[in-house]
């Protein structure tokens, strides 16, 4: 089946019945924007706002918050195609009455382990409350869940940034995860600033103008951005990074102090939304995509000019290794 390079380091295999093929070839996808590197803050627990400017006409499929122009042409199909790539197969759906997300990080002899956001267990939910569904359709049960030691569910009125750096939990599953290839390595370095980020989950959908406005459909979707604000201090809560969503025409001011990104990084730039909480955020290192962050929150209404926040995996590497002994780490 033909493939098309969509963004740096990602080759998208177009395999769905909605793929447009002309004379036996997939129509090329053109990415229009490649902009400078950045740096700065904001927040709400959260799927992904996507930006896309392409020439490929796909039939709409439901998924993610996307650019107005993207939605008009393609619906959410491209966001779902990105999430369907094998390098992101570790994304899990936490399915209960609501929805949340997680990332598989390894197995031992009897169990699989998922990394997610601790606030997914703040409404009285426990490890056994969810059905944990893999992208290949397999369903798992939770045996136990452990949250980062100093994490506390946010009291009414408490700012998100006070807890984003510790909003982390590990779920032990009832059996090892199978059929997804290898679990991703986890980033253990300190050079996230300016990196191209790919992130997503199973949450709500919408456009840059409306924000999250539609329910998800049980399929993951992903977006991209640049890490513009990195908080990596000595305080326990100083352990997160952020991306913002600029508008295509550059008309919205960058929200980060010192940030210089005023237009989308590429055709898939976006934000996380409600239901993406706990999903994975990946950077490319040495030719491979590694897990660098956990989706924790977003600010504003998940629209143009808003930002998304991710817990830094590297700042919690020791704790993760202790509670998921087979997790693999890689630095720079």
Protein backbone atom coordinates (compact mmCIF):
# COMPACT_ATOMS: atom_id res chain seq x y z
CA UNK A 1 0.00 0.00 0.00
CA UNK A 2 1.41 3.47 -0.83
CA UNK A 3 2.60 5.70 1.97
CA UNK A 4 2.90 9.45 2.29
CA UNK A 5 5.30 11.43 4.49
CA UNK A 6 3.15 13.75 6.58
CA UNK A 7 5.41 15.32 9.17
CA UNK A 8 9.05 15.02 10.00
CA UNK A 9 9.85 11.45 10.97
CA UNK A 10 6.37 10.06 10.32
CA UNK A 11 5.30 8.09 7.25
CA UNK A 12 1.56 7.63 7.15
CA UNK A 13 0.27 4.37 5.71
CA UNK A 14 -3.08 5.12 4.08
CA UNK A 15 -5.11 1.94 4.35
CA UNK A 16 -8.72 2.93 5.05
CA UNK A 17 -11.50 2.70 2.50
CA UNK A 18 -11.71 6.50 2.56
CA UNK A 19 -8.18 6.93 1.11
CA UNK A 20 -8.24 8.81 -2.17
CA UNK A 21 -6.34 6.99 -4.89
CA UNK A 22 -5.86 8.37 -8.38
CA UNK A 23 -4.43 6.14 -11.12
CA UNK A 24 -3.39 3.64 -8.47
CA UNK A 25 -1.49 6.22 -6.38
CA UNK A 26 -2.41 8.02 -3.18
CA UNK A 27 -2.70 11.75 -3.79
CA UNK A 28 0.27 13.50 -2.17
CA UNK A 29 -0.26 15.38 1.07
CA UNK A 30 1.34 18.82 1.22
CA UNK A 31 2.36 20.28 4.55
CA UNK A 32 2.52 24.04 4.32
CA UNK A 33 4.08 25.32 7.51
CA UNK A 34 7.48 24.73 9.09
CA UNK A 35 8.29 27.40 11.60
CA UNK A 36 10.95 28.43 14.10
CA UNK A 37 11.59 26.93 17.44
CA UNK A 38 10.02 28.34 20.59
CA UNK A 39 9.63 28.67 24.57
CA UNK A 40 6.47 29.58 27.99
CA UNK A 41 2.44 28.74 30.37
CA UNK A 42 -1.51 27.77 31.06
CA UNK A 43 -4.53 24.86 31.98
CA UNK A 44 -8.18 21.85 32.54
CA UNK A 45 -7.72 17.92 32.57
CA UNK A 46 -8.12 16.71 28.82
CA UNK A 47 -8.05 14.77 22.87
CA UNK A 48 -6.13 16.96 20.54
CA UNK A 49 -6.68 20.14 18.49
CA UNK A 50 -5.24 19.55 15.02
CA UNK A 51 -4.21 21.91 12.30
CA UNK A 52 -3.94 20.71 8.79
CA UNK A 53 -3.42 22.27 5.40
CA UNK A 54 -3.36 19.54 2.81
CA UNK A 55 -4.49 18.71 -0.69
CA UNK A 56 -5.76 15.24 0.17
CA UNK A 57 -9.55 14.90 0.22
CA UNK A 58 -10.62 12.16 2.61
CA UNK A 59 -14.12 11.25 3.59
CA UNK A 60 -14.83 12.55 7.09
CA UNK A 61 -14.35 10.26 10.07
CA UNK A 62 -14.89 11.33 13.62
CA UNK A 63 -11.92 12.29 15.85
CA UNK A 64 -9.99 15.26 17.55
CA UNK A 65 -10.21 19.11 17.66
CA UNK A 66 -8.89 20.36 14.32
CA UNK A 67 -8.38 23.59 12.37
CA UNK A 68 -11.56 25.03 10.93
CA UNK A 69 -10.15 24.66 7.42
CA UNK A 70 -9.12 21.08 8.08
CA UNK A 71 -12.52 20.10 9.39
CA UNK A 72 -14.22 21.64 6.37
CA UNK A 73 -12.15 19.50 4.00
CA UNK A 74 -11.34 16.31 5.89
CA UNK A 75 -13.31 16.08 9.10
CA UNK A 76 -11.11 14.26 11.64
CA UNK A 77 -9.75 11.55 9.33
CA UNK A 78 -6.13 12.71 9.24
CA UNK A 79 -5.90 12.94 13.03
CA UNK A 80 -7.01 9.34 13.32
CA UNK A 81 -4.67 8.18 10.57
CA UNK A 82 -1.76 9.72 12.48
CA UNK A 83 -2.77 7.94 15.69
CA UNK A 84 -3.06 4.66 13.80
CA UNK A 85 0.66 4.58 12.97
CA UNK A 86 2.50 1.63 14.57
CA UNK A 87 4.93 3.85 16.52
CA UNK A 88 1.95 5.12 18.54
CA UNK A 89 0.23 1.76 19.06
CA UNK A 90 0.82 1.93 22.83
CA UNK A 91 -2.09 4.37 23.35
CA UNK A 92 -4.84 2.90 25.53
CA UNK A 93 -8.46 3.88 26.10
CA UNK A 94 -9.71 3.92 29.70
CA UNK A 95 -13.36 3.16 29.13
CA UNK A 96 -15.90 3.67 31.90
CA UNK A 97 -18.94 5.97 31.98
CA UNK A 98 -16.60 8.68 30.73
CA UNK A 99 -13.31 8.35 28.93
CA UNK A 100 -9.60 8.80 29.60
CA UNK A 101 -6.30 7.70 28.04
CA UNK A 102 -3.02 5.98 28.91
CA UNK A 103 0.18 4.59 27.37
CA UNK A 104 1.50 1.04 27.69
CA UNK A 105 5.12 1.09 28.93
CA UNK A 106 5.97 -2.59 29.38
CA UNK A 107 5.16 -6.06 30.73
CA UNK A 108 6.50 -8.39 33.34
CA UNK A 109 5.76 -12.11 33.38
CA UNK A 110 2.18 -11.74 34.58
CA UNK A 111 1.13 -8.10 34.05
CA UNK A 112 1.18 -5.14 31.70
CA UNK A 113 1.80 -1.57 32.93
CA UNK A 114 0.17 1.66 31.80
CA UNK A 115 1.26 5.24 32.46
CA UNK A 116 -1.60 7.70 32.90
CA UNK A 117 -2.70 10.82 34.79
CA UNK A 118 -3.51 10.48 38.49
CA UNK A 119 -6.55 12.74 38.20
CA UNK A 120 -8.28 9.96 36.24
CA UNK A 121 -8.82 8.36 39.66
CA UNK A 122 -10.06 11.46 41.48
CA UNK A 123 -13.79 10.85 41.06
CA UNK A 124 -13.81 7.72 43.18
CA UNK A 125 -12.61 5.53 40.32
CA UNK A 126 -10.11 2.78 41.07
CA UNK A 127 -7.99 0.50 38.89
CA UNK A 128 -10.92 -1.88 38.62
CA UNK A 129 -13.38 0.82 37.53
CA UNK A 130 -12.13 0.93 33.94
CA UNK A 131 -11.89 -1.42 31.03
CA UNK A 132 -8.47 -0.79 29.43
CA UNK A 133 -8.75 -1.11 25.65
CA UNK A 134 -5.78 -1.36 23.30
CA UNK A 135 -5.79 -0.04 19.74
CA UNK A 136 -6.02 -3.63 18.45
CA UNK A 137 -9.33 -4.12 20.29
CA UNK A 138 -8.00 -6.24 23.16
CA UNK A 139 -9.56 -5.45 26.55
CA UNK A 140 -7.74 -5.70 29.88
CA UNK A 141 -8.72 -5.28 33.52
CA UNK A 142 -6.88 -3.30 36.13
CA UNK A 143 -5.39 -5.01 39.16
CA UNK A 144 -4.06 -1.96 40.97
CA UNK A 145 -3.18 1.70 40.43
CA UNK A 146 -0.57 3.77 42.24
CA UNK A 147 -0.36 7.57 42.05
CA UNK A 148 2.76 9.68 42.50
CA UNK A 149 3.20 9.96 46.29
CA UNK A 150 2.55 13.68 46.81
CA UNK A 151 -0.27 13.96 44.28
CA UNK A 152 -3.59 15.10 45.73
CA UNK A 153 -6.80 15.57 43.82
CA UNK A 154 -7.16 19.27 43.11
CA UNK A 155 -9.15 21.13 45.76
CA UNK A 156 -11.78 23.51 44.43
CA UNK A 157 -10.12 26.61 43.01
CA UNK A 158 -6.56 25.26 43.06
CA UNK A 159 -4.52 26.16 39.98
CA UNK A 160 -3.64 23.35 37.57
CA UNK A 161 0.02 24.31 37.50
CA UNK A 162 0.25 23.43 41.19
CA UNK A 163 -0.28 19.75 40.39
CA UNK A 164 0.66 19.14 36.74
CA UNK A 165 4.20 18.15 37.71
CA UNK A 166 2.98 15.30 39.91
CA UNK A 167 -0.19 14.25 38.06
CA UNK A 168 0.98 10.72 37.33
CA UNK A 169 -0.23 7.17 37.96
CA UNK A 170 0.73 3.64 36.94
CA UNK A 171 -1.87 0.93 36.38
CA UNK A 172 -1.02 -2.77 36.67
CA UNK A 173 -3.12 -4.86 34.27
CA UNK A 174 -4.46 -8.38 34.77
CA UNK A 175 -2.11 -9.84 32.13
CA UNK A 176 0.72 -8.82 29.80
CA UNK A 177 -0.19 -6.66 26.81
CA UNK A 178 0.14 -8.52 23.50
CA UNK A 179 -0.06 -7.74 19.80
CA UNK A 180 1.25 -4.16 19.88
CA UNK A 181 4.91 -4.74 19.11
CA UNK A 182 7.41 -3.27 21.58
CA UNK A 183 6.44 -0.81 24.28
CA UNK A 184 7.96 2.65 23.67
CA UNK A 185 11.10 3.72 25.47
CA UNK A 186 10.67 6.59 27.95
CA UNK A 187 12.67 9.80 27.65
CA UNK A 188 15.09 10.37 30.54
CA UNK A 189 16.92 13.45 29.26
CA UNK A 190 16.46 17.16 29.86
CA UNK A 191 16.41 18.66 26.36
CA UNK A 192 12.66 18.77 25.66
CA UNK A 193 12.54 22.52 24.95
CA UNK A 194 12.00 23.21 21.27
CA UNK A 195 11.30 19.59 20.41
CA UNK A 196 8.57 18.59 17.97
CA UNK A 197 5.86 16.80 20.01
CA UNK A 198 3.22 14.29 18.85
CA UNK A 199 0.44 13.69 21.37
CA UNK A 200 -3.13 12.48 21.65
CA UNK A 201 -5.70 10.18 23.15
CA UNK A 202 -9.36 9.22 23.04
CA UNK A 203 -11.05 12.46 24.07
CA UNK A 204 -13.43 15.00 22.62
CA UNK A 205 -13.33 16.62 19.19
CA UNK A 206 -13.90 20.09 17.79
CA UNK A 207 -12.26 22.89 15.82
CA UNK A 208 -9.88 25.71 16.65
CA UNK A 209 -12.79 28.15 16.73
CA UNK A 210 -15.34 26.06 18.63
CA UNK A 211 -12.98 24.20 20.96
CA UNK A 212 -13.98 20.74 22.16
CA UNK A 213 -17.60 20.31 21.16
CA UNK A 214 -18.13 16.68 20.12
CA UNK A 215 -17.75 13.38 21.92
CA UNK A 216 -15.02 10.98 20.86
CA UNK A 217 -15.82 7.83 18.92
CA UNK A 218 -13.64 5.25 20.65
CA UNK A 219 -10.72 5.71 18.26
CA UNK A 220 -7.54 7.62 19.15
CA UNK A 221 -6.47 10.82 17.43
CA UNK A 222 -3.18 12.71 17.56
CA UNK A 223 -1.83 16.21 16.98
CA UNK A 224 1.54 17.94 16.91
CA UNK A 225 3.17 20.97 18.48
CA UNK A 226 6.44 22.44 19.67
CA UNK A 227 7.45 22.43 23.33
CA UNK A 228 7.61 26.18 24.04
CA UNK A 229 7.54 26.28 27.84
CA UNK A 230 9.63 23.93 29.99
CA UNK A 231 9.36 23.91 33.79
CA UNK A 232 12.05 21.72 35.31
CA UNK A 233 12.92 23.17 38.71
CA UNK A 234 13.73 21.72 42.10
CA UNK A 235 10.19 21.90 43.43
CA UNK A 236 8.13 18.72 43.23
CA UNK A 237 5.51 20.44 41.08
CA UNK A 238 8.10 22.01 38.73
CA UNK A 239 8.03 19.19 36.22
CA UNK A 240 6.00 19.88 33.08
CA UNK A 241 6.12 21.36 29.59
CA UNK A 242 3.59 23.07 27.34
CA UNK A 243 2.57 23.67 23.75
CA UNK A 244 0.28 26.38 22.38
CA UNK A 245 -2.02 26.50 19.36
CA UNK A 246 -1.36 29.43 17.01
CA UNK A 247 -3.81 30.39 14.29
CA UNK A 248 -3.03 29.77 10.63
CA UNK A 249 -2.92 33.47 9.79
CA UNK A 250 -0.63 34.35 12.71
CA UNK A 251 -3.18 36.75 14.20
CA UNK A 252 -2.97 35.48 17.81
CA UNK A 253 -0.15 36.48 20.14
CA UNK A 254 2.08 33.70 21.44
CA UNK A 255 1.06 33.07 25.09
CA UNK A 256 4.52 32.13 26.32
CA UNK A 257 7.11 34.59 27.55
CA UNK A 258 9.91 34.44 25.02
CA UNK A 259 7.88 32.26 22.67
CA UNK A 260 8.25 32.96 18.96
CA UNK A 261 5.81 30.56 17.33
CA UNK A 262 2.97 32.55 15.73
CA UNK A 263 1.84 30.05 13.10
CA UNK A 264 1.29 26.27 13.26
CA UNK A 265 4.41 24.13 13.22
CA UNK A 266 2.89 21.95 10.49
CA UNK A 267 -0.42 20.66 9.22
CA UNK A 268 -1.14 18.67 12.37
CA UNK A 269 -0.46 21.17 15.16
CA UNK A 270 -2.98 21.11 17.99
CA UNK A 271 -4.01 20.78 21.62
CA UNK A 272 -5.33 18.08 23.95
CA UNK A 273 -8.95 18.09 25.09
CA UNK A 274 -11.18 16.45 27.70
CA UNK A 275 -10.72 12.67 27.60
CA UNK A 276 -7.10 12.84 26.44
CA UNK A 277 -5.93 12.95 30.05
CA UNK A 278 -3.24 10.37 30.66
CA UNK A 279 -2.43 9.84 26.99
CA UNK A 280 1.12 9.92 25.68
CA UNK A 281 3.25 12.72 24.21
CA UNK A 282 6.19 11.62 22.05
CA UNK A 283 9.41 13.19 20.77
CA UNK A 284 11.78 11.76 18.18
CA UNK A 285 15.18 10.67 19.44
CA UNK A 286 17.78 8.75 17.45
CA UNK A 287 15.27 7.86 14.77
CA UNK A 288 12.68 6.53 17.23
CA UNK A 289 9.65 8.08 18.89
CA UNK A 290 10.00 7.99 22.68
CA UNK A 291 7.50 8.83 25.40
CA UNK A 292 8.38 12.24 26.85
CA UNK A 293 5.16 13.40 28.46
CA UNK A 294 1.77 12.51 29.91
CA UNK A 295 -1.26 14.62 28.95
CA UNK A 296 -2.43 16.40 32.10
CA UNK A 297 -4.39 19.59 31.40
CA UNK A 298 -5.27 22.49 29.13
CA UNK A 299 -6.15 26.13 29.59
CA UNK A 300 -8.99 28.22 28.27
CA UNK A 301 -11.56 26.61 26.00
CA UNK A 302 -9.21 24.46 23.90
CA UNK A 303 -9.27 27.00 21.08
CA UNK A 304 -6.78 28.99 19.06
CA UNK A 305 -4.34 30.73 21.40
CA UNK A 306 -4.82 28.22 24.20
CA UNK A 307 -2.19 25.82 25.56
CA UNK A 308 -1.83 22.19 26.65
CA UNK A 309 0.28 20.90 29.55
CA UNK A 310 2.17 17.61 29.91
CA UNK A 311 3.93 16.04 32.87
CA UNK A 312 7.63 15.45 32.11
CA UNK A 313 8.35 11.71 32.15
CA UNK A 314 12.07 12.32 32.66
CA UNK A 315 11.48 14.09 35.97
CA UNK A 316 9.70 11.02 37.35
CA UNK A 317 11.96 8.32 35.87
CA UNK A 318 13.07 6.85 39.22
CA UNK A 319 9.52 6.51 40.49
CA UNK A 320 8.30 5.01 37.21
CA UNK A 321 11.15 2.46 37.18
CA UNK A 322 10.30 1.44 40.74
CA UNK A 323 6.63 0.80 39.94
CA UNK A 324 7.03 -0.53 36.38
CA UNK A 325 10.35 -2.42 36.53
CA UNK A 326 10.47 -3.37 32.84
CA UNK A 327 10.02 0.19 31.51
CA UNK A 328 12.92 1.20 29.24
CA UNK A 329 14.54 4.65 29.44
CA UNK A 330 16.67 6.54 26.96
CA UNK A 331 18.38 9.93 27.23
CA UNK A 332 20.41 12.22 24.99
